[in-house]
Amino acid sequence: MTLRIDLTDRHAQHADTVKDYAREKVEKLTRFFDQVQHIEIVLDKEHDDHSVEVIVSANNHMHFVGHATNPSVMACIDRVVDKLERQVLKAKERLRDHHRGEGPRATT
């Protein structure tokens, strides 16, 4: 299964180095959760602030969304990826713990 990454620029054209940096950072999410199928990155600029929104879609209709605003677009990307890493790890932990049940309890 291949990972699809879509990148959208809104209200400004970002440099190719910024786009490559964003793609490189979000690809790391697959190391934490191998069921990721699609990642959508939205780079936006309003006034002097940049905002980045990343939507991650995985198997079983799981979606993770991260959003950050900062004057630096690189800082936004880093912040969003950190937020998504936490969300993905928490979801993975929930999946793992959900299927583990405690054994039969001993009654005395």
PDB file of N, CA and C in Angstrom:
ATOM      1  N   MET A   1       0.844  -1.162   0.000  1.00  0.00           N
ATOM      2  CA  MET A   1       0.000   0.000   0.000  1.00  0.00           C
ATOM      3  C   MET A   1       0.907   1.248   0.000  1.00  0.00           C
ATOM      4  N   THR A   2       0.624   2.173  -0.862  1.00  0.00           N
ATOM      5  CA  THR A   2       1.465   3.359  -0.968  1.00  0.00           C
ATOM      6  C   THR A   2       0.857   4.516  -0.182  1.00  0.00           C
ATOM      7  N   LEU A   3       1.721   5.344   0.311  1.00  0.00           N
ATOM      8  CA  LEU A   3       1.314   6.531   1.047  1.00  0.00           C
ATOM      9  C   LEU A   3       1.112   7.668   0.060  1.00  0.00           C
ATOM     10  N   ARG A   4      -0.037   8.314   0.148  1.00  0.00           N
ATOM     11  CA  ARG A   4      -0.326   9.442  -0.732  1.00  0.00           C
ATOM     12  C   ARG A   4      -0.261  10.724   0.086  1.00  0.00           C
ATOM     13  N   ILE A   5       0.535  11.687  -0.389  1.00  0.00           N
ATOM     14  CA  ILE A   5       0.682  12.971   0.291  1.00  0.00           C
ATOM     15  C   ILE A   5       0.252  14.066  -0.674  1.00  0.00           C
ATOM     16  N   ASP A   6      -0.784  14.815  -0.276  1.00  0.00           N
ATOM     17  CA  ASP A   6      -1.269  15.948  -1.069  1.00  0.00           C
ATOM     18  C   ASP A   6      -0.890  17.228  -0.347  1.00  0.00           C
ATOM     19  N   LEU A   7      -0.398  18.202  -1.105  1.00  0.00           N
ATOM     20  CA  LEU A   7       0.010  19.474  -0.523  1.00  0.00           C
ATOM     21  C   LEU A   7      -0.731  20.599  -1.237  1.00  0.00           C
ATOM     22  N   THR A   8      -1.319  21.503  -0.452  1.00  0.00           N
ATOM     23  CA  THR A   8      -2.077  22.616  -0.997  1.00  0.00           C
ATOM     24  C   THR A   8      -1.523  23.927  -0.463  1.00  0.00           C
ATOM     25  N   ASP A   9      -1.325  24.895  -1.349  1.00  0.00           N
ATOM     26  CA  ASP A   9      -0.926  26.257  -0.972  1.00  0.00           C
ATOM     27  C   ASP A   9      -2.159  27.142  -1.019  1.00  0.00           C
ATOM     28  N   ARG A  10      -2.347  27.932   0.023  1.00  0.00           N
ATOM     29  CA  ARG A  10      -3.453  28.889   0.022  1.00  0.00           C
ATOM     30  C   ARG A  10      -2.895  30.288   0.233  1.00  0.00           C
ATOM     31  N   HIS A  11      -3.369  31.216  -0.532  1.00  0.00           N
ATOM     32  CA  HIS A  11      -3.071  32.645  -0.403  1.00  0.00           C
ATOM     33  C   HIS A  11      -1.611  33.010  -0.624  1.00  0.00           C
ATOM     34  N   ALA A  12      -0.742  32.063  -0.911  1.00  0.00           N
ATOM     35  CA  ALA A  12       0.669  32.368  -1.185  1.00  0.00           C
ATOM     36  C   ALA A  12       1.315  31.142  -1.812  1.00  0.00           C
ATOM     37  N   GLN A  13       2.359  31.384  -2.563  1.00  0.00           N
ATOM     38  CA  GLN A  13       3.146  30.287  -3.116  1.00  0.00           C
ATOM     39  C   GLN A  13       4.358  30.079  -2.216  1.00  0.00           C
ATOM     40  N   HIS A  14       4.448  28.929  -1.610  1.00  0.00           N
ATOM     41  CA  HIS A  14       5.581  28.622  -0.754  1.00  0.00           C
ATOM     42  C   HIS A  14       6.705  28.019  -1.606  1.00  0.00           C
ATOM     43  N   ALA A  15       7.916  28.208  -1.160  1.00  0.00           N
ATOM     44  CA  ALA A  15       9.090  27.711  -1.886  1.00  0.00           C
ATOM     45  C   ALA A  15       9.093  26.184  -1.894  1.00  0.00           C
ATOM     46  N   ASP A  16       9.754  25.635  -2.889  1.00  0.00           N
ATOM     47  CA  ASP A  16       9.844  24.177  -2.993  1.00  0.00           C
ATOM     48  C   ASP A  16      10.574  23.573  -1.802  1.00  0.00           C
ATOM     49  N   THR A  17      11.517  24.317  -1.225  1.00  0.00           N
ATOM     50  CA  THR A  17      12.230  23.799  -0.051  1.00  0.00           C
ATOM     51  C   THR A  17      11.279  23.622   1.126  1.00  0.00           C
ATOM     52  N   VAL A  18      10.322  24.542   1.275  1.00  0.00           N
ATOM     53  CA  VAL A  18       9.330  24.434   2.352  1.00  0.00           C
ATOM     54  C   VAL A  18       8.425  23.240   2.102  1.00  0.00           C
ATOM     55  N   LYS A  19       8.005  23.052   0.872  1.00  0.00           N
ATOM     56  CA  LYS A  19       7.129  21.925   0.540  1.00  0.00           C
ATOM     57  C   LYS A  19       7.842  20.594   0.762  1.00  0.00           C
ATOM     58  N   ASP A  20       9.100  20.520   0.344  1.00  0.00           N
ATOM     59  CA  ASP A  20       9.875  19.291   0.544  1.00  0.00           C
ATOM     60  C   ASP A  20      10.085  19.016   2.031  1.00  0.00           C
ATOM     61  N   TYR A  21      10.330  20.085   2.807  1.00  0.00           N
ATOM     62  CA  TYR A  21      10.511  19.948   4.248  1.00  0.00           C
ATOM     63  C   TYR A  21       9.233  19.392   4.889  1.00  0.00           C
ATOM     64  N   ALA A  22       8.086  19.919   4.475  1.00  0.00           N
ATOM     65  CA  ALA A  22       6.805  19.463   5.019  1.00  0.00           C
ATOM     66  C   ALA A  22       6.567  17.990   4.675  1.00  0.00           C
ATOM     67  N   ARG A  23       6.819  17.618   3.433  1.00  0.00           N
ATOM     68  CA  ARG A  23       6.624  16.211   3.029  1.00  0.00           C
ATOM     69  C   ARG A  23       7.545  15.283   3.818  1.00  0.00           C
ATOM     70  N   GLU A  24       8.792  15.707   3.969  1.00  0.00           N
ATOM     71  CA  GLU A  24       9.776  14.894   4.682  1.00  0.00           C
ATOM     72  C   GLU A  24       9.363  14.687   6.143  1.00  0.00           C
ATOM     73  N   LYS A  25       8.864  15.738   6.775  1.00  0.00           N
ATOM     74  CA  LYS A  25       8.467  15.650   8.179  1.00  0.00           C
ATOM     75  C   LYS A  25       7.245  14.752   8.371  1.00  0.00           C
ATOM     76  N   VAL A  26       6.228  14.896   7.515  1.00  0.00           N
ATOM     77  CA  VAL A  26       5.010  14.101   7.713  1.00  0.00           C
ATOM     78  C   VAL A  26       5.216  12.639   7.348  1.00  0.00           C
ATOM     79  N   GLU A  27       6.175  12.339   6.496  1.00  0.00           N
ATOM     80  CA  GLU A  27       6.453  10.943   6.166  1.00  0.00           C
ATOM     81  C   GLU A  27       6.922  10.175   7.393  1.00  0.00           C
ATOM     82  N   LYS A  28       7.484  10.872   8.368  1.00  0.00           N
ATOM     83  CA  LYS A  28       7.974  10.227   9.580  1.00  0.00           C
ATOM     84  C   LYS A  28       6.836   9.645  10.417  1.00  0.00           C
ATOM     85  N   LEU A  29       5.625  10.114  10.188  1.00  0.00           N
ATOM     86  CA  LEU A  29       4.485   9.592  10.946  1.00  0.00           C
ATOM     87  C   LEU A  29       4.257   8.113  10.683  1.00  0.00           C
ATOM     88  N   THR A  30       4.669   7.637   9.518  1.00  0.00           N
ATOM     89  CA  THR A  30       4.481   6.224   9.195  1.00  0.00           C
ATOM     90  C   THR A  30       5.380   5.329  10.052  1.00  0.00           C
ATOM     91  N   ARG A  31       6.424   5.892  10.642  1.00  0.00           N
ATOM     92  CA  ARG A  31       7.268   5.102  11.536  1.00  0.00           C
ATOM     93  C   ARG A  31       6.527   4.770  12.828  1.00  0.00           C
ATOM     94  N   PHE A  32       5.621   5.658  13.231  1.00  0.00           N
ATOM     95  CA  PHE A  32       4.884   5.453  14.457  1.00  0.00           C
ATOM     96  C   PHE A  32       3.631   4.609  14.250  1.00  0.00           C
ATOM     97  N   PHE A  33       3.034   4.741  13.073  1.00  0.00           N
ATOM     98  CA  PHE A  33       1.765   4.058  12.807  1.00  0.00           C
ATOM     99  C   PHE A  33       1.776   3.641  11.347  1.00  0.00           C
ATOM    100  N   ASP A  34       1.931   2.353  11.084  1.00  0.00           N
ATOM    101  CA  ASP A  34       2.111   1.876   9.712  1.00  0.00           C
ATOM    102  C   ASP A  34       0.815   1.798   8.909  1.00  0.00           C
ATOM    103  N   GLN A  35      -0.325   2.101   9.521  1.00  0.00           N
ATOM    104  CA  GLN A  35      -1.593   2.026   8.804  1.00  0.00           C
ATOM    105  C   GLN A  35      -1.984   3.342   8.134  1.00  0.00           C
ATOM    106  N   VAL A  36      -1.097   4.331   8.133  1.00  0.00           N
ATOM    107  CA  VAL A  36      -1.385   5.624   7.511  1.00  0.00           C
ATOM    108  C   VAL A  36      -1.466   5.440   5.999  1.00  0.00           C
ATOM    109  N   GLN A  37      -2.550   5.944   5.396  1.00  0.00           N
ATOM    110  CA  GLN A  37      -2.759   5.789   3.959  1.00  0.00           C
ATOM    111  C   GLN A  37      -2.659   7.106   3.201  1.00  0.00           C
ATOM    112  N   HIS A  38      -3.130   8.198   3.813  1.00  0.00           N
ATOM    113  CA  HIS A  38      -3.206   9.467   3.096  1.00  0.00           C
ATOM    114  C   HIS A  38      -2.900  10.607   4.060  1.00  0.00           C
ATOM    115  N   ILE A  39      -2.084  11.558   3.587  1.00  0.00           N
ATOM    116  CA  ILE A  39      -1.770  12.746   4.377  1.00  0.00           C
ATOM    117  C   ILE A  39      -2.033  13.960   3.507  1.00  0.00           C
ATOM    118  N   GLU A  40      -2.790  14.887   4.047  1.00  0.00           N
ATOM    119  CA  GLU A  40      -3.085  16.137   3.338  1.00  0.00           C
ATOM    120  C   GLU A  40      -2.479  17.292   4.120  1.00  0.00           C
ATOM    121  N   ILE A  41      -1.649  18.085   3.445  1.00  0.00           N
ATOM    122  CA  ILE A  41      -0.982  19.232   4.062  1.00  0.00           C
ATOM    123  C   ILE A  41      -1.544  20.497   3.434  1.00  0.00           C
ATOM    124  N   VAL A  42      -1.957  21.444   4.273  1.00  0.00           N
ATOM    125  CA  VAL A  42      -2.464  22.721   3.781  1.00  0.00           C
ATOM    126  C   VAL A  42      -1.593  23.821   4.364  1.00  0.00           C
ATOM    127  N   LEU A  43      -0.854  24.519   3.485  1.00  0.00           N
ATOM    128  CA  LEU A  43      -0.020  25.647   3.892  1.00  0.00           C
ATOM    129  C   LEU A  43      -0.781  26.927   3.570  1.00  0.00           C
ATOM    130  N   ASP A  44      -0.910  27.812   4.547  1.00  0.00           N
ATOM    131  CA  ASP A  44      -1.691  29.025   4.368  1.00  0.00           C
ATOM    132  C   ASP A  44      -0.914  30.209   4.927  1.00  0.00           C
ATOM    133  N   LYS A  45      -1.135  31.361   4.338  1.00  0.00           N
ATOM    134  CA  LYS A  45      -0.509  32.584   4.848  1.00  0.00           C
ATOM    135  C   LYS A  45      -1.545  33.687   4.862  1.00  0.00           C
ATOM    136  N   GLU A  46      -1.746  34.249   6.046  1.00  0.00           N
ATOM    137  CA  GLU A  46      -2.635  35.390   6.199  1.00  0.00           C
ATOM    138  C   GLU A  46      -1.880  36.468   6.950  1.00  0.00           C
ATOM    139  N   HIS A  47      -1.807  37.623   6.369  1.00  0.00           N
ATOM    140  CA  HIS A  47      -1.073  38.760   6.926  1.00  0.00           C
ATOM    141  C   HIS A  47       0.380  38.347   7.142  1.00  0.00           C
ATOM    142  N   ASP A  48       0.867  38.362   8.370  1.00  0.00           N
ATOM    143  CA  ASP A  48       2.263  37.991   8.627  1.00  0.00           C
ATOM    144  C   ASP A  48       2.403  36.607   9.241  1.00  0.00           C
ATOM    145  N   ASP A  49       1.295  35.930   9.432  1.00  0.00           N
ATOM    146  CA  ASP A  49       1.337  34.603  10.062  1.00  0.00           C
ATOM    147  C   ASP A  49       1.134  33.497   9.033  1.00  0.00           C
ATOM    148  N   HIS A  50       1.838  32.423   9.274  1.00  0.00           N
ATOM    149  CA  HIS A  50       1.651  31.205   8.483  1.00  0.00           C
ATOM    150  C   HIS A  50       0.827  30.244   9.312  1.00  0.00           C
ATOM    151  N   SER A  51       0.014  29.458   8.659  1.00  0.00           N
ATOM    152  CA  SER A  51      -0.692  28.395   9.362  1.00  0.00           C
ATOM    153  C   SER A  51      -0.556  27.117   8.543  1.00  0.00           C
ATOM    154  N   VAL A  52      -0.437  26.032   9.256  1.00  0.00           N
ATOM    155  CA  VAL A  52      -0.286  24.722   8.627  1.00  0.00           C
ATOM    156  C   VAL A  52      -1.317  23.793   9.245  1.00  0.00           C
ATOM    157  N   GLU A  53      -2.021  23.087   8.383  1.00  0.00           N
ATOM    158  CA  GLU A  53      -2.976  22.083   8.833  1.00  0.00           C
ATOM    159  C   GLU A  53      -2.624  20.775   8.138  1.00  0.00           C
ATOM    160  N   VAL A  54      -2.579  19.707   8.920  1.00  0.00           N
ATOM    161  CA  VAL A  54      -2.264  18.392   8.378  1.00  0.00           C
ATOM    162  C   VAL A  54      -3.371  17.440   8.799  1.00  0.00           C
ATOM    163  N   ILE A  55      -3.901  16.725   7.824  1.00  0.00           N
ATOM    164  CA  ILE A  55      -4.951  15.735   8.061  1.00  0.00           C
ATOM    165  C   ILE A  55      -4.398  14.368   7.661  1.00  0.00           C
ATOM    166  N   VAL A  56      -4.389  13.455   8.605  1.00  0.00           N
ATOM    167  CA  VAL A  56      -3.856  12.119   8.383  1.00  0.00           C
ATOM    168  C   VAL A  56      -5.014  11.126   8.410  1.00  0.00           C
ATOM    169  N   SER A  57      -5.115  10.316   7.373  1.00  0.00           N
ATOM    170  CA  SER A  57      -6.143   9.277   7.305  1.00  0.00           C
ATOM    171  C   SER A  57      -5.461   7.915   7.361  1.00  0.00           C
ATOM    172  N   ALA A  58      -6.019   7.053   8.199  1.00  0.00           N
ATOM    173  CA  ALA A  58      -5.459   5.713   8.361  1.00  0.00           C
ATOM    174  C   ALA A  58      -6.572   4.687   8.196  1.00  0.00           C
ATOM    175  N   ASN A  59      -6.206   3.425   8.307  1.00  0.00           N
ATOM    176  CA  ASN A  59      -7.194   2.342   8.221  1.00  0.00           C
ATOM    177  C   ASN A  59      -8.263   2.498   9.290  1.00  0.00           C
ATOM    178  N   ASN A  60      -9.354   1.811   9.097  1.00  0.00           N
ATOM    179  CA  ASN A  60     -10.464   1.777  10.051  1.00  0.00           C
ATOM    180  C   ASN A  60     -11.067   3.161  10.290  1.00  0.00           C
ATOM    181  N   HIS A  61     -11.070   3.996   9.279  1.00  0.00           N
ATOM    182  CA  HIS A  61     -11.681   5.317   9.340  1.00  0.00           C
ATOM    183  C   HIS A  61     -11.093   6.186  10.445  1.00  0.00           C
ATOM    184  N   MET A  62      -9.822   6.047  10.702  1.00  0.00           N
ATOM    185  CA  MET A  62      -9.158   6.870  11.716  1.00  0.00           C
ATOM    186  C   MET A  62      -8.614   8.122  11.041  1.00  0.00           C
ATOM    187  N   HIS A  63      -8.877   9.275  11.660  1.00  0.00           N
ATOM    188  CA  HIS A  63      -8.401  10.550  11.142  1.00  0.00           C
ATOM    189  C   HIS A  63      -7.741  11.323  12.269  1.00  0.00           C
ATOM    190  N   PHE A  64      -6.620  11.949  11.946  1.00  0.00           N
ATOM    191  CA  PHE A  64      -5.910  12.778  12.905  1.00  0.00           C
ATOM    192  C   PHE A  64      -5.709  14.137  12.257  1.00  0.00           C
ATOM    193  N   VAL A  65      -5.949  15.211  13.023  1.00  0.00           N
ATOM    194  CA  VAL A  65      -5.846  16.561  12.488  1.00  0.00           C
ATOM    195  C   VAL A  65      -4.954  17.380  13.411  1.00  0.00           C
ATOM    196  N   GLY A  66      -4.019  18.112  12.802  1.00  0.00           N
ATOM    197  CA  GLY A  66      -3.170  19.026  13.555  1.00  0.00           C
ATOM    198  C   GLY A  66      -3.151  20.372  12.878  1.00  0.00           C
ATOM    199  N   HIS A  67      -3.142  21.432  13.684  1.00  0.00           N
ATOM    200  CA  HIS A  67      -3.154  22.787  13.152  1.00  0.00           C
ATOM    201  C   HIS A  67      -2.220  23.649  14.007  1.00  0.00           C
ATOM    202  N   ALA A  68      -1.443  24.511  13.351  1.00  0.00           N
ATOM    203  CA  ALA A  68      -0.554  25.425  14.078  1.00  0.00           C
ATOM    204  C   ALA A  68      -0.421  26.728  13.312  1.00  0.00           C
ATOM    205  N   THR A  69      -0.239  27.830  14.058  1.00  0.00           N
ATOM    206  CA  THR A  69      -0.047  29.156  13.475  1.00  0.00           C
ATOM    207  C   THR A  69       1.183  29.778  14.104  1.00  0.00           C
ATOM    208  N   ASN A  70       2.032  30.387  13.259  1.00  0.00           N
ATOM    209  CA  ASN A  70       3.279  30.983  13.722  1.00  0.00           C
ATOM    210  C   ASN A  70       3.810  31.881  12.615  1.00  0.00           C
ATOM    211  N   PRO A  71       4.611  32.898  12.947  1.00  0.00           N
ATOM    212  CA  PRO A  71       5.219  33.708  11.886  1.00  0.00           C
ATOM    213  C   PRO A  71       6.193  32.921  10.998  1.00  0.00           C
ATOM    214  N   SER A  72       6.747  31.827  11.509  1.00  0.00           N
ATOM    215  CA  SER A  72       7.667  30.989  10.742  1.00  0.00           C
ATOM    216  C   SER A  72       6.950  29.736  10.256  1.00  0.00           C
ATOM    217  N   VAL A  73       6.999  29.501   8.952  1.00  0.00           N
ATOM    218  CA  VAL A  73       6.313  28.328   8.397  1.00  0.00           C
ATOM    219  C   VAL A  73       6.994  27.036   8.839  1.00  0.00           C
ATOM    220  N   MET A  74       8.310  27.056   9.005  1.00  0.00           N
ATOM    221  CA  MET A  74       9.026  25.854   9.448  1.00  0.00           C
ATOM    222  C   MET A  74       8.633  25.492  10.883  1.00  0.00           C
ATOM    223  N   ALA A  75       8.477  26.496  11.732  1.00  0.00           N
ATOM    224  CA  ALA A  75       8.054  26.245  13.115  1.00  0.00           C
ATOM    225  C   ALA A  75       6.648  25.668  13.137  1.00  0.00           C
ATOM    226  N   CYS A  76       5.779  26.141  12.257  1.00  0.00           N
ATOM    227  CA  CYS A  76       4.417  25.596  12.155  1.00  0.00           C
ATOM    228  C   CYS A  76       4.453  24.117  11.793  1.00  0.00           C
ATOM    229  N   ILE A  77       5.258  23.785  10.822  1.00  0.00           N
ATOM    230  CA  ILE A  77       5.349  22.392  10.368  1.00  0.00           C
ATOM    231  C   ILE A  77       5.841  21.504  11.508  1.00  0.00           C
ATOM    232  N   ASP A  78       6.885  21.949  12.213  1.00  0.00           N
ATOM    233  CA  ASP A  78       7.426  21.171  13.328  1.00  0.00           C
ATOM    234  C   ASP A  78       6.382  20.976  14.425  1.00  0.00           C
ATOM    235  N   ARG A  79       5.650  22.038  14.738  1.00  0.00           N
ATOM    236  CA  ARG A  79       4.647  21.977  15.796  1.00  0.00           C
ATOM    237  C   ARG A  79       3.507  21.026  15.428  1.00  0.00           C
ATOM    238  N   VAL A  80       3.069  21.090  14.179  1.00  0.00           N
ATOM    239  CA  VAL A  80       1.976  20.213  13.731  1.00  0.00           C
ATOM    240  C   VAL A  80       2.411  18.753  13.764  1.00  0.00           C
ATOM    241  N   VAL A  81       3.616  18.472  13.314  1.00  0.00           N
ATOM    242  CA  VAL A  81       4.097  17.090  13.310  1.00  0.00           C
ATOM    243  C   VAL A  81       4.212  16.562  14.742  1.00  0.00           C
ATOM    244  N   ASP A  82       4.655  17.409  15.676  1.00  0.00           N
ATOM    245  CA  ASP A  82       4.715  16.979  17.078  1.00  0.00           C
ATOM    246  C   ASP A  82       3.322  16.642  17.610  1.00  0.00           C
ATOM    247  N   LYS A  83       2.340  17.481  17.293  1.00  0.00           N
ATOM    248  CA  LYS A  83       0.968  17.218  17.734  1.00  0.00           C
ATOM    249  C   LYS A  83       0.448  15.906  17.155  1.00  0.00           C
ATOM    250  N   LEU A  84       0.719  15.694  15.874  1.00  0.00           N
ATOM    251  CA  LEU A  84       0.229  14.476  15.227  1.00  0.00           C
ATOM    252  C   LEU A  84       0.930  13.234  15.751  1.00  0.00           C
ATOM    253  N   GLU A  85       2.212  13.343  16.076  1.00  0.00           N
ATOM    254  CA  GLU A  85       2.919  12.199  16.649  1.00  0.00           C
ATOM    255  C   GLU A  85       2.253  11.764  17.947  1.00  0.00           C
ATOM    256  N   ARG A  86       1.898  12.741  18.788  1.00  0.00           N
ATOM    257  CA  ARG A  86       1.236  12.410  20.050  1.00  0.00           C
ATOM    258  C   ARG A  86      -0.122  11.757  19.793  1.00  0.00           C
ATOM    259  N   GLN A  87      -0.887  12.293  18.847  1.00  0.00           N
ATOM    260  CA  GLN A  87      -2.204  11.734  18.555  1.00  0.00           C
ATOM    261  C   GLN A  87      -2.098  10.306  18.028  1.00  0.00           C
ATOM    262  N   VAL A  88      -1.160  10.095  17.119  1.00  0.00           N
ATOM    263  CA  VAL A  88      -0.994   8.772  16.507  1.00  0.00           C
ATOM    264  C   VAL A  88      -0.526   7.755  17.549  1.00  0.00           C
ATOM    265  N   LEU A  89       0.431   8.136  18.383  1.00  0.00           N
ATOM    266  CA  LEU A  89       0.915   7.215  19.408  1.00  0.00           C
ATOM    267  C   LEU A  89      -0.181   6.873  20.412  1.00  0.00           C
ATOM    268  N   LYS A  90      -0.997   7.848  20.768  1.00  0.00           N
ATOM    269  CA  LYS A  90      -2.092   7.597  21.705  1.00  0.00           C
ATOM    270  C   LYS A  90      -3.130   6.661  21.092  1.00  0.00           C
ATOM    271  N   ALA A  91      -3.439   6.859  19.823  1.00  0.00           N
ATOM    272  CA  ALA A  91      -4.400   5.989  19.141  1.00  0.00           C
ATOM    273  C   ALA A  91      -3.860   4.568  19.023  1.00  0.00           C
ATOM    274  N   LYS A  92      -2.584   4.465  18.727  1.00  0.00           N
ATOM    275  CA  LYS A  92      -1.973   3.147  18.605  1.00  0.00           C
ATOM    276  C   LYS A  92      -1.993   2.432  19.963  1.00  0.00           C
ATOM    277  N   GLU A  93      -1.729   3.183  21.015  1.00  0.00           N
ATOM    278  CA  GLU A  93      -1.760   2.609  22.354  1.00  0.00           C
ATOM    279  C   GLU A  93      -3.180   2.161  22.720  1.00  0.00           C
ATOM    280  N   ARG A  94      -4.183   2.937  22.338  1.00  0.00           N
ATOM    281  CA  ARG A  94      -5.571   2.565  22.592  1.00  0.00           C
ATOM    282  C   ARG A  94      -5.930   1.279  21.861  1.00  0.00           C
ATOM    283  N   LEU A  95      -5.481   1.157  20.620  1.00  0.00           N
ATOM    284  CA  LEU A  95      -5.756  -0.063  19.859  1.00  0.00           C
ATOM    285  C   LEU A  95      -5.107  -1.272  20.511  1.00  0.00           C
ATOM    286  N   ARG A  96      -3.893  -1.095  20.958  1.00  0.00           N
ATOM    287  CA  ARG A  96      -3.168  -2.202  21.567  1.00  0.00           C
ATOM    288  C   ARG A  96      -3.815  -2.599  22.890  1.00  0.00           C
ATOM    289  N   ASP A  97      -4.176  -1.633  23.738  1.00  0.00           N
ATOM    290  CA  ASP A  97      -4.754  -1.937  25.043  1.00  0.00           C
ATOM    291  C   ASP A  97      -6.183  -2.437  24.933  1.00  0.00           C
ATOM    292  N   HIS A  98      -6.877  -2.031  23.900  1.00  0.00           N
ATOM    293  CA  HIS A  98      -8.283  -2.410  23.741  1.00  0.00           C
ATOM    294  C   HIS A  98      -8.437  -3.923  23.588  1.00  0.00           C
ATOM    295  N   HIS A  99      -7.506  -4.536  22.919  1.00  0.00           N
ATOM    296  CA  HIS A  99      -7.630  -5.956  22.638  1.00  0.00           C
ATOM    297  C   HIS A  99      -7.019  -6.838  23.725  1.00  0.00           C
ATOM    298  N   ARG A 100      -6.374  -6.233  24.666  1.00  0.00           N
ATOM    299  CA  ARG A 100      -5.803  -7.021  25.761  1.00  0.00           C
ATOM    300  C   ARG A 100      -6.755  -6.985  26.943  1.00  0.00           C
ATOM    301  N   GLY A 101      -7.238  -8.101  27.268  1.00  0.00           N
ATOM    302  CA  GLY A 101      -8.131  -8.176  28.416  1.00  0.00           C
ATOM    303  C   GLY A 101      -7.398  -8.784  29.593  1.00  0.00           C
ATOM    304  N   GLU A 102      -7.874  -8.471  30.743  1.00  0.00           N
ATOM    305  CA  GLU A 102      -7.294  -9.096  31.916  1.00  0.00           C
ATOM    306  C   GLU A 102      -7.797 -10.523  31.975  1.00  0.00           C
ATOM    307  N   GLY A 103      -6.983 -11.374  32.523  1.00  0.00           N
ATOM    308  CA  GLY A 103      -7.373 -12.775  32.665  1.00  0.00           C
ATOM    309  C   GLY A 103      -8.521 -12.909  33.650  1.00  0.00           C
ATOM    310  N   PRO A 104      -9.024 -14.104  33.807  1.00  0.00           N
ATOM    311  CA  PRO A 104     -10.116 -14.306  34.757  1.00  0.00           C
ATOM    312  C   PRO A 104      -9.634 -13.962  36.175  1.00  0.00           C
ATOM    313  N   ARG A 105     -10.471 -13.284  36.890  1.00  0.00           N
ATOM    314  CA  ARG A 105     -10.101 -12.866  38.244  1.00  0.00           C
ATOM    315  C   ARG A 105     -10.323 -14.018  39.232  1.00  0.00           C
ATOM    316  N   ALA A 106      -9.376 -14.120  40.104  1.00  0.00           N
ATOM    317  CA  ALA A 106      -9.493 -15.170  41.124  1.00  0.00           C
ATOM    318  C   ALA A 106     -10.397 -14.654  42.236  1.00  0.00           C
ATOM    319  N   THR A 107     -11.380 -15.433  42.560  1.00  0.00           N
ATOM    320  CA  THR A 107     -12.278 -15.050  43.656  1.00  0.00           C
ATOM    321  C   THR A 107     -11.984 -15.913  44.849  1.00  0.00           C
ATOM    322  N   THR A 108     -11.926 -15.283  45.980  1.00  0.00           N
ATOM    323  CA  THR A 108     -11.666 -16.058  47.201  1.00  0.00           C
ATOM    324  C   THR A 108     -12.779 -15.917  48.176  1.00  0.00           C
TER     325      THR A 108
END
